[in-house]
Structures are given as C-alpha cells and as structure tokens.
Amino acid sequence: MVSVPAFEEAVASIADDPPDAAIVNLTPCGLPWRELKAACQRHEPPIPVLFESCVFRSPDEAGLGRLDASAAFLTKPYPLSQLRREIDRLLLAAAGDEQPPFRSAAARPAAKS
C-alpha cells in the first residue's frame, strides 16, 4: 500500500508506477477529481478506484460525473461490510472473472471439518 499526500503526486503515480487499485479520499479543496478518475480509466487495464467522502454525497457533487464499472463512490461513514463489497465488486470487474480475486474474511465460508 502506498499513501500519496498530494493530488499532483497521485496523478503522476498513476502514470509512472500504476497501482493495482486505488482508494481516494475526496476533500473539499476543489481539486479536479474527474482528472484523477480519467487517468485511472485511461490505464490499460483500467485501475479500479474507490472514491470516498464525508463532504460530498454523490459522484456528481464531487465533480466525478458518471462512474463506470471500474469506479465506485462511498459516502462516509460507511460500514466495513459495504467497503468490502465495493472492493470485491471493483476487483471482480477488473479481473473480468466470475469470482473476485480474493474474498474478504467476512465473506469466506466456514471451513468444513
């Protein structure tokens, strides 16, 4: 996991050393979040990105516009189960598989004895 403290560094990181996925905390600074979303979508394959915010209540309000299958938006606070579901969904869409590449501990079936 890598934490990037500034918007410009995040956009540069996507171009120079793309992550497998991203979680972005949207702040009310008036940053061009749509530009970051577009950078993730332009990558081949697209970088799954989860946007979260306690300020904005929708992708449109945050300036993101319409989200495709490679992006999600959560309003804080949210339950951990919702975060897990969205991450699983994004990774499933990115993998193009019927099953996500991993399942969270809460979603795993109990071991059979």
PDB file of N, CA and C in Angstrom:
ATOM      1  N   MET A   1       0.845  -1.158   0.000  1.00  0.00           N
ATOM      2  CA  MET A   1       0.000   0.000   0.000  1.00  0.00           C
ATOM      3  C   MET A   1       0.896   1.228   0.000  1.00  0.00           C
ATOM      4  N   VAL A   2       0.498   2.206  -0.775  1.00  0.00           N
ATOM      5  CA  VAL A   2       1.230   3.461  -0.872  1.00  0.00           C
ATOM      6  C   VAL A   2       0.268   4.592  -0.573  1.00  0.00           C
ATOM      7  N   SER A   3       0.688   5.520   0.246  1.00  0.00           N
ATOM      8  CA  SER A   3      -0.098   6.704   0.538  1.00  0.00           C
ATOM      9  C   SER A   3       0.532   7.883  -0.185  1.00  0.00           C
ATOM     10  N   VAL A   4      -0.268   8.617  -0.926  1.00  0.00           N
ATOM     11  CA  VAL A   4       0.231   9.762  -1.677  1.00  0.00           C
ATOM     12  C   VAL A   4      -0.426  11.012  -1.097  1.00  0.00           C
ATOM     13  N   PRO A   5       0.382  11.945  -0.561  1.00  0.00           N
ATOM     14  CA  PRO A   5      -0.170  13.083   0.161  1.00  0.00           C
ATOM     15  C   PRO A   5      -0.729  14.216  -0.702  1.00  0.00           C
ATOM     16  N   ALA A   6      -0.371  14.279  -1.983  1.00  0.00           N
ATOM     17  CA  ALA A   6      -0.797  15.406  -2.800  1.00  0.00           C
ATOM     18  C   ALA A   6      -1.431  14.928  -4.104  1.00  0.00           C
ATOM     19  N   PHE A   7      -2.386  15.692  -4.592  1.00  0.00           N
ATOM     20  CA  PHE A   7      -3.117  15.355  -5.802  1.00  0.00           C
ATOM     21  C   PHE A   7      -2.168  15.153  -6.986  1.00  0.00           C
ATOM     22  N   GLU A   8      -1.247  16.080  -7.182  1.00  0.00           N
ATOM     23  CA  GLU A   8      -0.326  16.000  -8.314  1.00  0.00           C
ATOM     24  C   GLU A   8       0.510  14.728  -8.253  1.00  0.00           C
ATOM     25  N   GLU A   9       0.912  14.333  -7.044  1.00  0.00           N
ATOM     26  CA  GLU A   9       1.679  13.096  -6.877  1.00  0.00           C
ATOM     27  C   GLU A   9       0.825  11.879  -7.221  1.00  0.00           C
ATOM     28  N   ALA A  10      -0.451  11.932  -6.892  1.00  0.00           N
ATOM     29  CA  ALA A  10      -1.351  10.810  -7.204  1.00  0.00           C
ATOM     30  C   ALA A  10      -1.478  10.636  -8.714  1.00  0.00           C
ATOM     31  N   VAL A  11      -1.686  11.732  -9.435  1.00  0.00           N
ATOM     32  CA  VAL A  11      -1.819  11.658 -10.894  1.00  0.00           C
ATOM     33  C   VAL A  11      -0.507  11.166 -11.513  1.00  0.00           C
ATOM     34  N   ALA A  12       0.624  11.676 -11.024  1.00  0.00           N
ATOM     35  CA  ALA A  12       1.931  11.246 -11.535  1.00  0.00           C
ATOM     36  C   ALA A  12       2.175   9.773 -11.242  1.00  0.00           C
ATOM     37  N   SER A  13       1.780   9.326 -10.059  1.00  0.00           N
ATOM     38  CA  SER A  13       1.965   7.934  -9.665  1.00  0.00           C
ATOM     39  C   SER A  13       1.182   6.995 -10.576  1.00  0.00           C
ATOM     40  N   ILE A  14      -0.009   7.395 -10.966  1.00  0.00           N
ATOM     41  CA  ILE A  14      -0.826   6.570 -11.854  1.00  0.00           C
ATOM     42  C   ILE A  14      -0.122   6.396 -13.199  1.00  0.00           C
ATOM     43  N   ALA A  15       0.520   7.443 -13.672  1.00  0.00           N
ATOM     44  CA  ALA A  15       1.212   7.379 -14.957  1.00  0.00           C
ATOM     45  C   ALA A  15       2.548   6.648 -14.845  1.00  0.00           C
ATOM     46  N   ASP A  16       3.309   6.906 -13.770  1.00  0.00           N
ATOM     47  CA  ASP A  16       4.671   6.393 -13.655  1.00  0.00           C
ATOM     48  C   ASP A  16       4.774   5.006 -13.031  1.00  0.00           C
ATOM     49  N   ASP A  17       3.958   4.743 -12.032  1.00  0.00           N
ATOM     50  CA  ASP A  17       4.022   3.480 -11.301  1.00  0.00           C
ATOM     51  C   ASP A  17       2.601   3.094 -10.891  1.00  0.00           C
ATOM     52  N   PRO A  18       1.772   2.683 -11.853  1.00  0.00           N
ATOM     53  CA  PRO A  18       0.355   2.481 -11.584  1.00  0.00           C
ATOM     54  C   PRO A  18       0.088   1.422 -10.515  1.00  0.00           C
ATOM     55  N   PRO A  19      -0.815   1.746  -9.596  1.00  0.00           N
ATOM     56  CA  PRO A  19      -1.185   0.763  -8.571  1.00  0.00           C
ATOM     57  C   PRO A  19      -2.150  -0.267  -9.161  1.00  0.00           C
ATOM     58  N   ASP A  20      -2.342  -1.364  -8.442  1.00  0.00           N
ATOM     59  CA  ASP A  20      -3.330  -2.369  -8.853  1.00  0.00           C
ATOM     60  C   ASP A  20      -4.746  -1.845  -8.650  1.00  0.00           C
ATOM     61  N   ALA A  21      -4.912  -0.994  -7.644  1.00  0.00           N
ATOM     62  CA  ALA A  21      -6.203  -0.384  -7.326  1.00  0.00           C
ATOM     63  C   ALA A  21      -5.924   0.849  -6.470  1.00  0.00           C
ATOM     64  N   ALA A  22      -6.952   1.707  -6.330  1.00  0.00           N
ATOM     65  CA  ALA A  22      -6.764   2.925  -5.540  1.00  0.00           C
ATOM     66  C   ALA A  22      -8.000   3.218  -4.701  1.00  0.00           C
ATOM     67  N   ILE A  23      -7.761   3.743  -3.521  1.00  0.00           N
ATOM     68  CA  ILE A  23      -8.823   4.282  -2.674  1.00  0.00           C
ATOM     69  C   ILE A  23      -8.479   5.752  -2.473  1.00  0.00           C
ATOM     70  N   VAL A  24      -9.411   6.614  -2.856  1.00  0.00           N
ATOM     71  CA  VAL A  24      -9.157   8.052  -2.840  1.00  0.00           C
ATOM     72  C   VAL A  24     -10.150   8.736  -1.915  1.00  0.00           C
ATOM     73  N   ASN A  25      -9.613   9.446  -0.920  1.00  0.00           N
ATOM     74  CA  ASN A  25     -10.441  10.226  -0.017  1.00  0.00           C
ATOM     75  C   ASN A  25     -10.620  11.619  -0.622  1.00  0.00           C
ATOM     76  N   LEU A  26     -11.845  11.935  -1.022  1.00  0.00           N
ATOM     77  CA  LEU A  26     -12.137  13.209  -1.666  1.00  0.00           C
ATOM     78  C   LEU A  26     -12.266  14.317  -0.631  1.00  0.00           C
ATOM     79  N   THR A  27     -11.495  15.364  -0.822  1.00  0.00           N
ATOM     80  CA  THR A  27     -11.531  16.517   0.078  1.00  0.00           C
ATOM     81  C   THR A  27     -12.257  17.673  -0.608  1.00  0.00           C
ATOM     82  N   PRO A  28     -12.694  18.666   0.155  1.00  0.00           N
ATOM     83  CA  PRO A  28     -13.451  19.776  -0.428  1.00  0.00           C
ATOM     84  C   PRO A  28     -12.569  20.877  -1.016  1.00  0.00           C
ATOM     85  N   CYS A  29     -11.375  20.551  -1.445  1.00  0.00           N
ATOM     86  CA  CYS A  29     -10.415  21.559  -1.912  1.00  0.00           C
ATOM     87  C   CYS A  29     -10.653  22.041  -3.332  1.00  0.00           C
ATOM     88  N   GLY A  30     -11.655  21.535  -4.004  1.00  0.00           N
ATOM     89  CA  GLY A  30     -11.906  21.944  -5.374  1.00  0.00           C
ATOM     90  C   GLY A  30     -10.911  21.372  -6.365  1.00  0.00           C
ATOM     91  N   LEU A  31     -10.347  20.214  -6.037  1.00  0.00           N
ATOM     92  CA  LEU A  31      -9.386  19.570  -6.930  1.00  0.00           C
ATOM     93  C   LEU A  31     -10.121  18.914  -8.099  1.00  0.00           C
ATOM     94  N   PRO A  32      -9.453  18.746  -9.233  1.00  0.00           N
ATOM     95  CA  PRO A  32     -10.098  18.140 -10.410  1.00  0.00           C
ATOM     96  C   PRO A  32     -10.154  16.612 -10.297  1.00  0.00           C
ATOM     97  N   TRP A  33     -11.053  16.130  -9.453  1.00  0.00           N
ATOM     98  CA  TRP A  33     -11.154  14.685  -9.211  1.00  0.00           C
ATOM     99  C   TRP A  33     -11.459  13.923 -10.489  1.00  0.00           C
ATOM    100  N   ARG A  34     -12.189  14.555 -11.406  1.00  0.00           N
ATOM    101  CA  ARG A  34     -12.516  13.901 -12.679  1.00  0.00           C
ATOM    102  C   ARG A  34     -11.230  13.575 -13.445  1.00  0.00           C
ATOM    103  N   GLU A  35     -10.209  14.425 -13.319  1.00  0.00           N
ATOM    104  CA  GLU A  35      -8.918  14.184 -13.974  1.00  0.00           C
ATOM    105  C   GLU A  35      -8.258  12.920 -13.420  1.00  0.00           C
ATOM    106  N   LEU A  36      -8.328  12.745 -12.109  1.00  0.00           N
ATOM    107  CA  LEU A  36      -7.761  11.542 -11.494  1.00  0.00           C
ATOM    108  C   LEU A  36      -8.527  10.301 -11.949  1.00  0.00           C
ATOM    109  N   LYS A  37      -9.847  10.407 -11.978  1.00  0.00           N
ATOM    110  CA  LYS A  37     -10.674   9.292 -12.451  1.00  0.00           C
ATOM    111  C   LYS A  37     -10.313   8.944 -13.894  1.00  0.00           C
ATOM    112  N   ALA A  38     -10.158   9.960 -14.745  1.00  0.00           N
ATOM    113  CA  ALA A  38      -9.820   9.731 -16.155  1.00  0.00           C
ATOM    114  C   ALA A  38      -8.451   9.071 -16.295  1.00  0.00           C
ATOM    115  N   ALA A  39      -7.492   9.467 -15.455  1.00  0.00           N
ATOM    116  CA  ALA A  39      -6.158   8.853 -15.502  1.00  0.00           C
ATOM    117  C   ALA A  39      -6.247   7.368 -15.171  1.00  0.00           C
ATOM    118  N   CYS A  40      -7.083   7.012 -14.215  1.00  0.00           N
ATOM    119  CA  CYS A  40      -7.272   5.592 -13.863  1.00  0.00           C
ATOM    120  C   CYS A  40      -7.954   4.843 -14.995  1.00  0.00           C
ATOM    121  N   GLN A  41      -8.919   5.466 -15.648  1.00  0.00           N
ATOM    122  CA  GLN A  41      -9.656   4.822 -16.737  1.00  0.00           C
ATOM    123  C   GLN A  41      -8.801   4.665 -17.990  1.00  0.00           C
ATOM    124  N   ARG A  42      -7.875   5.603 -18.233  1.00  0.00           N
ATOM    125  CA  ARG A  42      -7.021   5.538 -19.425  1.00  0.00           C
ATOM    126  C   ARG A  42      -5.983   4.422 -19.345  1.00  0.00           C
ATOM    127  N   HIS A  43      -5.626   4.046 -18.128  1.00  0.00           N
ATOM    128  CA  HIS A  43      -4.624   2.997 -17.966  1.00  0.00           C
ATOM    129  C   HIS A  43      -5.170   1.708 -18.557  1.00  0.00           C
ATOM    130  N   GLU A  44      -4.277   0.871 -19.113  1.00  0.00           N
ATOM    131  CA  GLU A  44      -4.703  -0.413 -19.678  1.00  0.00           C
ATOM    132  C   GLU A  44      -4.079  -1.546 -18.899  1.00  0.00           C
ATOM    133  N   PRO A  45      -4.824  -2.366 -18.188  1.00  0.00           N
ATOM    134  CA  PRO A  45      -6.261  -2.269 -17.979  1.00  0.00           C
ATOM    135  C   PRO A  45      -6.590  -1.120 -17.019  1.00  0.00           C
ATOM    136  N   PRO A  46      -7.850  -0.676 -17.015  1.00  0.00           N
ATOM    137  CA  PRO A  46      -8.224   0.419 -16.116  1.00  0.00           C
ATOM    138  C   PRO A  46      -7.910   0.077 -14.656  1.00  0.00           C
ATOM    139  N   ILE A  47      -7.506   1.083 -13.921  1.00  0.00           N
ATOM    140  CA  ILE A  47      -7.202   0.913 -12.491  1.00  0.00           C
ATOM    141  C   ILE A  47      -8.501   1.066 -11.711  1.00  0.00           C
ATOM    142  N   PRO A  48      -8.913   0.033 -10.963  1.00  0.00           N
ATOM    143  CA  PRO A  48     -10.115   0.168 -10.143  1.00  0.00           C
ATOM    144  C   PRO A  48      -9.882   1.240  -9.080  1.00  0.00           C
ATOM    145  N   VAL A  49     -10.858   2.124  -8.913  1.00  0.00           N
ATOM    146  CA  VAL A  49     -10.700   3.203  -7.939  1.00  0.00           C
ATOM    147  C   VAL A  49     -11.984   3.378  -7.142  1.00  0.00           C
ATOM    148  N   LEU A  50     -11.810   3.427  -5.833  1.00  0.00           N
ATOM    149  CA  LEU A  50     -12.921   3.671  -4.910  1.00  0.00           C
ATOM    150  C   LEU A  50     -12.742   5.080  -4.368  1.00  0.00           C
ATOM    151  N   PHE A  51     -13.719   5.937  -4.622  1.00  0.00           N
ATOM    152  CA  PHE A  51     -13.726   7.292  -4.084  1.00  0.00           C
ATOM    153  C   PHE A  51     -14.585   7.289  -2.832  1.00  0.00           C
ATOM    154  N   GLU A  52     -14.088   7.942  -1.783  1.00  0.00           N
ATOM    155  CA  GLU A  52     -14.857   8.039  -0.536  1.00  0.00           C
ATOM    156  C   GLU A  52     -14.845   9.488  -0.079  1.00  0.00           C
ATOM    157  N   SER A  53     -15.932   9.893   0.592  1.00  0.00           N
ATOM    158  CA  SER A  53     -16.010  11.281   1.044  1.00  0.00           C
ATOM    159  C   SER A  53     -16.995  11.435   2.191  1.00  0.00           C
ATOM    160  N   CYS A  54     -16.645  12.318   3.106  1.00  0.00           N
ATOM    161  CA  CYS A  54     -17.585  12.702   4.164  1.00  0.00           C
ATOM    162  C   CYS A  54     -18.163  14.083   3.846  1.00  0.00           C
ATOM    163  N   VAL A  55     -17.725  14.680   2.746  1.00  0.00           N
ATOM    164  CA  VAL A  55     -18.174  16.007   2.339  1.00  0.00           C
ATOM    165  C   VAL A  55     -19.203  15.913   1.217  1.00  0.00           C
ATOM    166  N   PHE A  56     -18.863  15.160   0.180  1.00  0.00           N
ATOM    167  CA  PHE A  56     -19.736  15.024  -0.980  1.00  0.00           C
ATOM    168  C   PHE A  56     -20.677  13.840  -0.788  1.00  0.00           C
ATOM    169  N   ARG A  57     -21.888  13.975  -1.306  1.00  0.00           N
ATOM    170  CA  ARG A  57     -22.897  12.931  -1.135  1.00  0.00           C
ATOM    171  C   ARG A  57     -23.128  12.109  -2.392  1.00  0.00           C
ATOM    172  N   SER A  58     -22.460  12.482  -3.490  1.00  0.00           N
ATOM    173  CA  SER A  58     -22.634  11.734  -4.732  1.00  0.00           C
ATOM    174  C   SER A  58     -21.433  11.984  -5.635  1.00  0.00           C
ATOM    175  N   PRO A  59     -21.221  11.118  -6.631  1.00  0.00           N
ATOM    176  CA  PRO A  59     -20.139  11.359  -7.588  1.00  0.00           C
ATOM    177  C   PRO A  59     -20.313  12.685  -8.333  1.00  0.00           C
ATOM    178  N   ASP A  60     -21.557  13.018  -8.685  1.00  0.00           N
ATOM    179  CA  ASP A  60     -21.799  14.284  -9.389  1.00  0.00           C
ATOM    180  C   ASP A  60     -21.422  15.481  -8.524  1.00  0.00           C
ATOM    181  N   GLU A  61     -21.807  15.448  -7.254  1.00  0.00           N
ATOM    182  CA  GLU A  61     -21.486  16.548  -6.340  1.00  0.00           C
ATOM    183  C   GLU A  61     -19.975  16.717  -6.192  1.00  0.00           C
ATOM    184  N   ALA A  62     -19.233  15.612  -6.270  1.00  0.00           N
ATOM    185  CA  ALA A  62     -17.769  15.656  -6.152  1.00  0.00           C
ATOM    186  C   ALA A  62     -17.101  16.061  -7.462  1.00  0.00           C
ATOM    187  N   GLY A  63     -17.888  16.181  -8.532  1.00  0.00           N
ATOM    188  CA  GLY A  63     -17.330  16.554  -9.816  1.00  0.00           C
ATOM    189  C   GLY A  63     -16.790  15.378 -10.610  1.00  0.00           C
ATOM    190  N   LEU A  64     -17.168  14.166 -10.218  1.00  0.00           N
ATOM    191  CA  LEU A  64     -16.671  12.971 -10.895  1.00  0.00           C
ATOM    192  C   LEU A  64     -17.475  12.610 -12.130  1.00  0.00           C
ATOM    193  N   GLY A  65     -18.713  13.039 -12.180  1.00  0.00           N
ATOM    194  CA  GLY A  65     -19.571  12.622 -13.284  1.00  0.00           C
ATOM    195  C   GLY A  65     -19.995  11.178 -13.118  1.00  0.00           C
ATOM    196  N   ARG A  66     -20.349  10.568 -14.229  1.00  0.00           N
ATOM    197  CA  ARG A  66     -20.823   9.179 -14.216  1.00  0.00           C
ATOM    198  C   ARG A  66     -19.656   8.227 -13.960  1.00  0.00           C
ATOM    199  N   LEU A  67     -19.889   7.219 -13.125  1.00  0.00           N
ATOM    200  CA  LEU A  67     -18.868   6.214 -12.825  1.00  0.00           C
ATOM    201  C   LEU A  67     -19.148   4.952 -13.632  1.00  0.00           C
ATOM    202  N   ASP A  68     -18.074   4.355 -14.163  1.00  0.00           N
ATOM    203  CA  ASP A  68     -18.232   3.089 -14.870  1.00  0.00           C
ATOM    204  C   ASP A  68     -17.931   1.941 -13.912  1.00  0.00           C
ATOM    205  N   ALA A  69     -17.818   0.722 -14.442  1.00  0.00           N
ATOM    206  CA  ALA A  69     -17.607  -0.459 -13.600  1.00  0.00           C
ATOM    207  C   ALA A  69     -16.267  -0.449 -12.880  1.00  0.00           C
ATOM    208  N   SER A  70     -15.325   0.389 -13.323  1.00  0.00           N
ATOM    209  CA  SER A  70     -14.006   0.418 -12.684  1.00  0.00           C
ATOM    210  C   SER A  70     -13.916   1.436 -11.552  1.00  0.00           C
ATOM    211  N   ALA A  71     -15.044   2.073 -11.206  1.00  0.00           N
ATOM    212  CA  ALA A  71     -15.032   3.078 -10.140  1.00  0.00           C
ATOM    213  C   ALA A  71     -16.253   2.919  -9.244  1.00  0.00           C
ATOM    214  N   ALA A  72     -16.075   3.342  -7.987  1.00  0.00           N
ATOM    215  CA  ALA A  72     -17.173   3.309  -7.021  1.00  0.00           C
ATOM    216  C   ALA A  72     -17.074   4.547  -6.145  1.00  0.00           C
ATOM    217  N   PHE A  73     -18.177   4.881  -5.493  1.00  0.00           N
ATOM    218  CA  PHE A  73     -18.235   6.035  -4.608  1.00  0.00           C
ATOM    219  C   PHE A  73     -18.949   5.628  -3.325  1.00  0.00           C
ATOM    220  N   LEU A  74     -18.347   5.934  -2.186  1.00  0.00           N
ATOM    221  CA  LEU A  74     -18.971   5.682  -0.886  1.00  0.00           C
ATOM    222  C   LEU A  74     -18.999   6.972  -0.086  1.00  0.00           C
ATOM    223  N   THR A  75     -20.110   7.195   0.604  1.00  0.00           N
ATOM    224  CA  THR A  75     -20.239   8.334   1.489  1.00  0.00           C
ATOM    225  C   THR A  75     -19.898   7.874   2.900  1.00  0.00           C
ATOM    226  N   LYS A  76     -18.974   8.591   3.545  1.00  0.00           N
ATOM    227  CA  LYS A  76     -18.586   8.267   4.923  1.00  0.00           C
ATOM    228  C   LYS A  76     -19.632   8.811   5.882  1.00  0.00           C
ATOM    229  N   PRO A  77     -19.829   8.197   6.993  1.00  0.00           N
ATOM    230  CA  PRO A  77     -19.280   6.896   7.375  1.00  0.00           C
ATOM    231  C   PRO A  77     -20.049   5.778   6.686  1.00  0.00           C
ATOM    232  N   TYR A  78     -19.373   4.678   6.489  1.00  0.00           N
ATOM    233  CA  TYR A  78     -19.993   3.510   5.887  1.00  0.00           C
ATOM    234  C   TYR A  78     -19.546   2.283   6.666  1.00  0.00           C
ATOM    235  N   PRO A  79     -20.370   1.228   6.673  1.00  0.00           N
ATOM    236  CA  PRO A  79     -19.973   0.017   7.381  1.00  0.00           C
ATOM    237  C   PRO A  79     -18.844  -0.696   6.634  1.00  0.00           C
ATOM    238  N   LEU A  80     -17.993  -1.363   7.364  1.00  0.00           N
ATOM    239  CA  LEU A  80     -16.885  -2.109   6.786  1.00  0.00           C
ATOM    240  C   LEU A  80     -17.384  -3.120   5.755  1.00  0.00           C
ATOM    241  N   SER A  81     -18.549  -3.707   5.994  1.00  0.00           N
ATOM    242  CA  SER A  81     -19.108  -4.680   5.045  1.00  0.00           C
ATOM    243  C   SER A  81     -19.376  -4.033   3.685  1.00  0.00           C
ATOM    244  N   GLN A  82     -19.798  -2.787   3.673  1.00  0.00           N
ATOM    245  CA  GLN A  82     -20.041  -2.090   2.411  1.00  0.00           C
ATOM    246  C   GLN A  82     -18.720  -1.832   1.684  1.00  0.00           C
ATOM    247  N   LEU A  83     -17.688  -1.468   2.419  1.00  0.00           N
ATOM    248  CA  LEU A  83     -16.367  -1.274   1.827  1.00  0.00           C
ATOM    249  C   LEU A  83     -15.878  -2.578   1.200  1.00  0.00           C
ATOM    250  N   ARG A  84     -16.023  -3.669   1.920  1.00  0.00           N
ATOM    251  CA  ARG A  84     -15.607  -4.972   1.388  1.00  0.00           C
ATOM    252  C   ARG A  84     -16.354  -5.329   0.113  1.00  0.00           C
ATOM    253  N   ARG A  85     -17.675  -5.105   0.114  1.00  0.00           N
ATOM    254  CA  ARG A  85     -18.489  -5.408  -1.069  1.00  0.00           C
ATOM    255  C   ARG A  85     -18.029  -4.599  -2.278  1.00  0.00           C
ATOM    256  N   GLU A  86     -17.775  -3.306  -2.073  1.00  0.00           N
ATOM    257  CA  GLU A  86     -17.356  -2.454  -3.189  1.00  0.00           C
ATOM    258  C   GLU A  86     -15.977  -2.838  -3.696  1.00  0.00           C
ATOM    259  N   ILE A  87     -15.054  -3.139  -2.799  1.00  0.00           N
ATOM    260  CA  ILE A  87     -13.720  -3.567  -3.225  1.00  0.00           C
ATOM    261  C   ILE A  87     -13.814  -4.882  -3.995  1.00  0.00           C
ATOM    262  N   ASP A  88     -14.576  -5.833  -3.473  1.00  0.00           N
ATOM    263  CA  ASP A  88     -14.763  -7.107  -4.184  1.00  0.00           C
ATOM    264  C   ASP A  88     -15.359  -6.875  -5.570  1.00  0.00           C
ATOM    265  N   ARG A  89     -16.362  -6.005  -5.677  1.00  0.00           N
ATOM    266  CA  ARG A  89     -17.007  -5.720  -6.954  1.00  0.00           C
ATOM    267  C   ARG A  89     -16.022  -5.094  -7.940  1.00  0.00           C
ATOM    268  N   LEU A  90     -15.230  -4.133  -7.455  1.00  0.00           N
ATOM    269  CA  LEU A  90     -14.249  -3.478  -8.330  1.00  0.00           C
ATOM    270  C   LEU A  90     -13.195  -4.464  -8.826  1.00  0.00           C
ATOM    271  N   LEU A  91     -12.710  -5.308  -7.929  1.00  0.00           N
ATOM    272  CA  LEU A  91     -11.691  -6.277  -8.327  1.00  0.00           C
ATOM    273  C   LEU A  91     -12.273  -7.328  -9.270  1.00  0.00           C
ATOM    274  N   LEU A  92     -13.505  -7.713  -9.053  1.00  0.00           N
ATOM    275  CA  LEU A  92     -14.182  -8.643  -9.952  1.00  0.00           C
ATOM    276  C   LEU A  92     -14.292  -8.034 -11.347  1.00  0.00           C
ATOM    277  N   ALA A  93     -14.723  -6.791 -11.422  1.00  0.00           N
ATOM    278  CA  ALA A  93     -14.848  -6.117 -12.712  1.00  0.00           C
ATOM    279  C   ALA A  93     -13.488  -5.994 -13.393  1.00  0.00           C
ATOM    280  N   ALA A  94     -12.451  -5.697 -12.620  1.00  0.00           N
ATOM    281  CA  ALA A  94     -11.103  -5.546 -13.183  1.00  0.00           C
ATOM    282  C   ALA A  94     -10.566  -6.872 -13.695  1.00  0.00           C
ATOM    283  N   ALA A  95     -10.873  -7.953 -12.984  1.00  0.00           N
ATOM    284  CA  ALA A  95     -10.372  -9.270 -13.364  1.00  0.00           C
ATOM    285  C   ALA A  95     -11.159  -9.858 -14.531  1.00  0.00           C
ATOM    286  N   GLY A  96     -12.403  -9.405 -14.699  1.00  0.00           N
ATOM    287  CA  GLY A  96     -13.244  -9.959 -15.745  1.00  0.00           C
ATOM    288  C   GLY A  96     -13.648 -11.389 -15.466  1.00  0.00           C
ATOM    289  N   ASP A  97     -13.525 -11.807 -14.211  1.00  0.00           N
ATOM    290  CA  ASP A  97     -13.864 -13.174 -13.808  1.00  0.00           C
ATOM    291  C   ASP A  97     -15.236 -13.223 -13.181  1.00  0.00           C
ATOM    292  N   GLU A  98     -15.688 -14.456 -12.970  1.00  0.00           N
ATOM    293  CA  GLU A  98     -16.951 -14.639 -12.273  1.00  0.00           C
ATOM    294  C   GLU A  98     -16.759 -14.541 -10.770  1.00  0.00           C
ATOM    295  N   GLN A  99     -15.551 -14.759 -10.307  1.00  0.00           N
ATOM    296  CA  GLN A  99     -15.254 -14.683  -8.879  1.00  0.00           C
ATOM    297  C   GLN A  99     -14.211 -13.602  -8.648  1.00  0.00           C
ATOM    298  N   PRO A 100     -14.336 -12.820  -7.564  1.00  0.00           N
ATOM    299  CA  PRO A 100     -13.302 -11.837  -7.275  1.00  0.00           C
ATOM    300  C   PRO A 100     -11.979 -12.542  -6.993  1.00  0.00           C
ATOM    301  N   PRO A 101     -10.832 -11.862  -7.210  1.00  0.00           N
ATOM    302  CA  PRO A 101      -9.538 -12.498  -6.988  1.00  0.00           C
ATOM    303  C   PRO A 101      -9.293 -12.875  -5.534  1.00  0.00           C
ATOM    304  N   PHE A 102     -10.039 -12.287  -4.618  1.00  0.00           N
ATOM    305  CA  PHE A 102      -9.950 -12.682  -3.215  1.00  0.00           C
ATOM    306  C   PHE A 102     -11.308 -12.428  -2.598  1.00  0.00           C
ATOM    307  N   ARG A 103     -11.522 -13.027  -1.466  1.00  0.00           N
ATOM    308  CA  ARG A 103     -12.758 -12.773  -0.733  1.00  0.00           C
ATOM    309  C   ARG A 103     -12.379 -12.325   0.651  1.00  0.00           C
ATOM    310  N   SER A 104     -13.102 -11.364   1.154  1.00  0.00           N
ATOM    311  CA  SER A 104     -12.812 -10.879   2.498  1.00  0.00           C
ATOM    312  C   SER A 104     -13.127 -11.972   3.508  1.00  0.00           C
ATOM    313  N   ALA A 105     -12.508 -11.878   4.660  1.00  0.00           N
ATOM    314  CA  ALA A 105     -12.696 -12.890   5.704  1.00  0.00           C
ATOM    315  C   ALA A 105     -14.169 -13.026   6.072  1.00  0.00           C
ATOM    316  N   ALA A 106     -14.884 -11.912   6.060  1.00  0.00           N
ATOM    317  CA  ALA A 106     -16.301 -11.959   6.434  1.00  0.00           C
ATOM    318  C   ALA A 106     -17.130 -12.716   5.407  1.00  0.00           C
ATOM    319  N   ALA A 107     -16.654 -12.776   4.163  1.00  0.00           N
ATOM    320  CA  ALA A 107     -17.413 -13.431   3.114  1.00  0.00           C
ATOM    321  C   ALA A 107     -17.004 -14.877   2.894  1.00  0.00           C
ATOM    322  N   ARG A 108     -15.928 -15.326   3.538  1.00  0.00           N
ATOM    323  CA  ARG A 108     -15.471 -16.702   3.350  1.00  0.00           C
ATOM    324  C   ARG A 108     -16.384 -17.696   4.054  1.00  0.00           C
ATOM    325  N   PRO A 109     -16.673 -18.810   3.388  1.00  0.00           N
ATOM    326  CA  PRO A 109     -17.475 -19.831   4.080  1.00  0.00           C
ATOM    327  C   PRO A 109     -16.631 -20.487   5.177  1.00  0.00           C
ATOM    328  N   ALA A 110     -17.308 -20.971   6.173  1.00  0.00           N
ATOM    329  CA  ALA A 110     -16.608 -21.646   7.284  1.00  0.00           C
ATOM    330  C   ALA A 110     -15.937 -22.912   6.762  1.00  0.00           C
ATOM    331  N   ALA A 111     -14.774 -23.210   7.297  1.00  0.00           N
ATOM    332  CA  ALA A 111     -14.033 -24.423   6.904  1.00  0.00           C
ATOM    333  C   ALA A 111     -14.822 -25.663   7.333  1.00  0.00           C
ATOM    334  N   LYS A 112     -14.811 -26.660   6.445  1.00  0.00           N
ATOM    335  CA  LYS A 112     -15.503 -27.918   6.773  1.00  0.00           C
ATOM    336  C   LYS A 112     -14.528 -28.820   7.513  1.00  0.00           C
ATOM    337  N   SER A 113     -15.059 -29.527   8.497  1.00  0.00           N
ATOM    338  CA  SER A 113     -14.175 -30.430   9.237  1.00  0.00           C
ATOM    339  C   SER A 113     -14.306 -31.843   8.775  1.00  0.00           C
TER     340      SER A 113
END
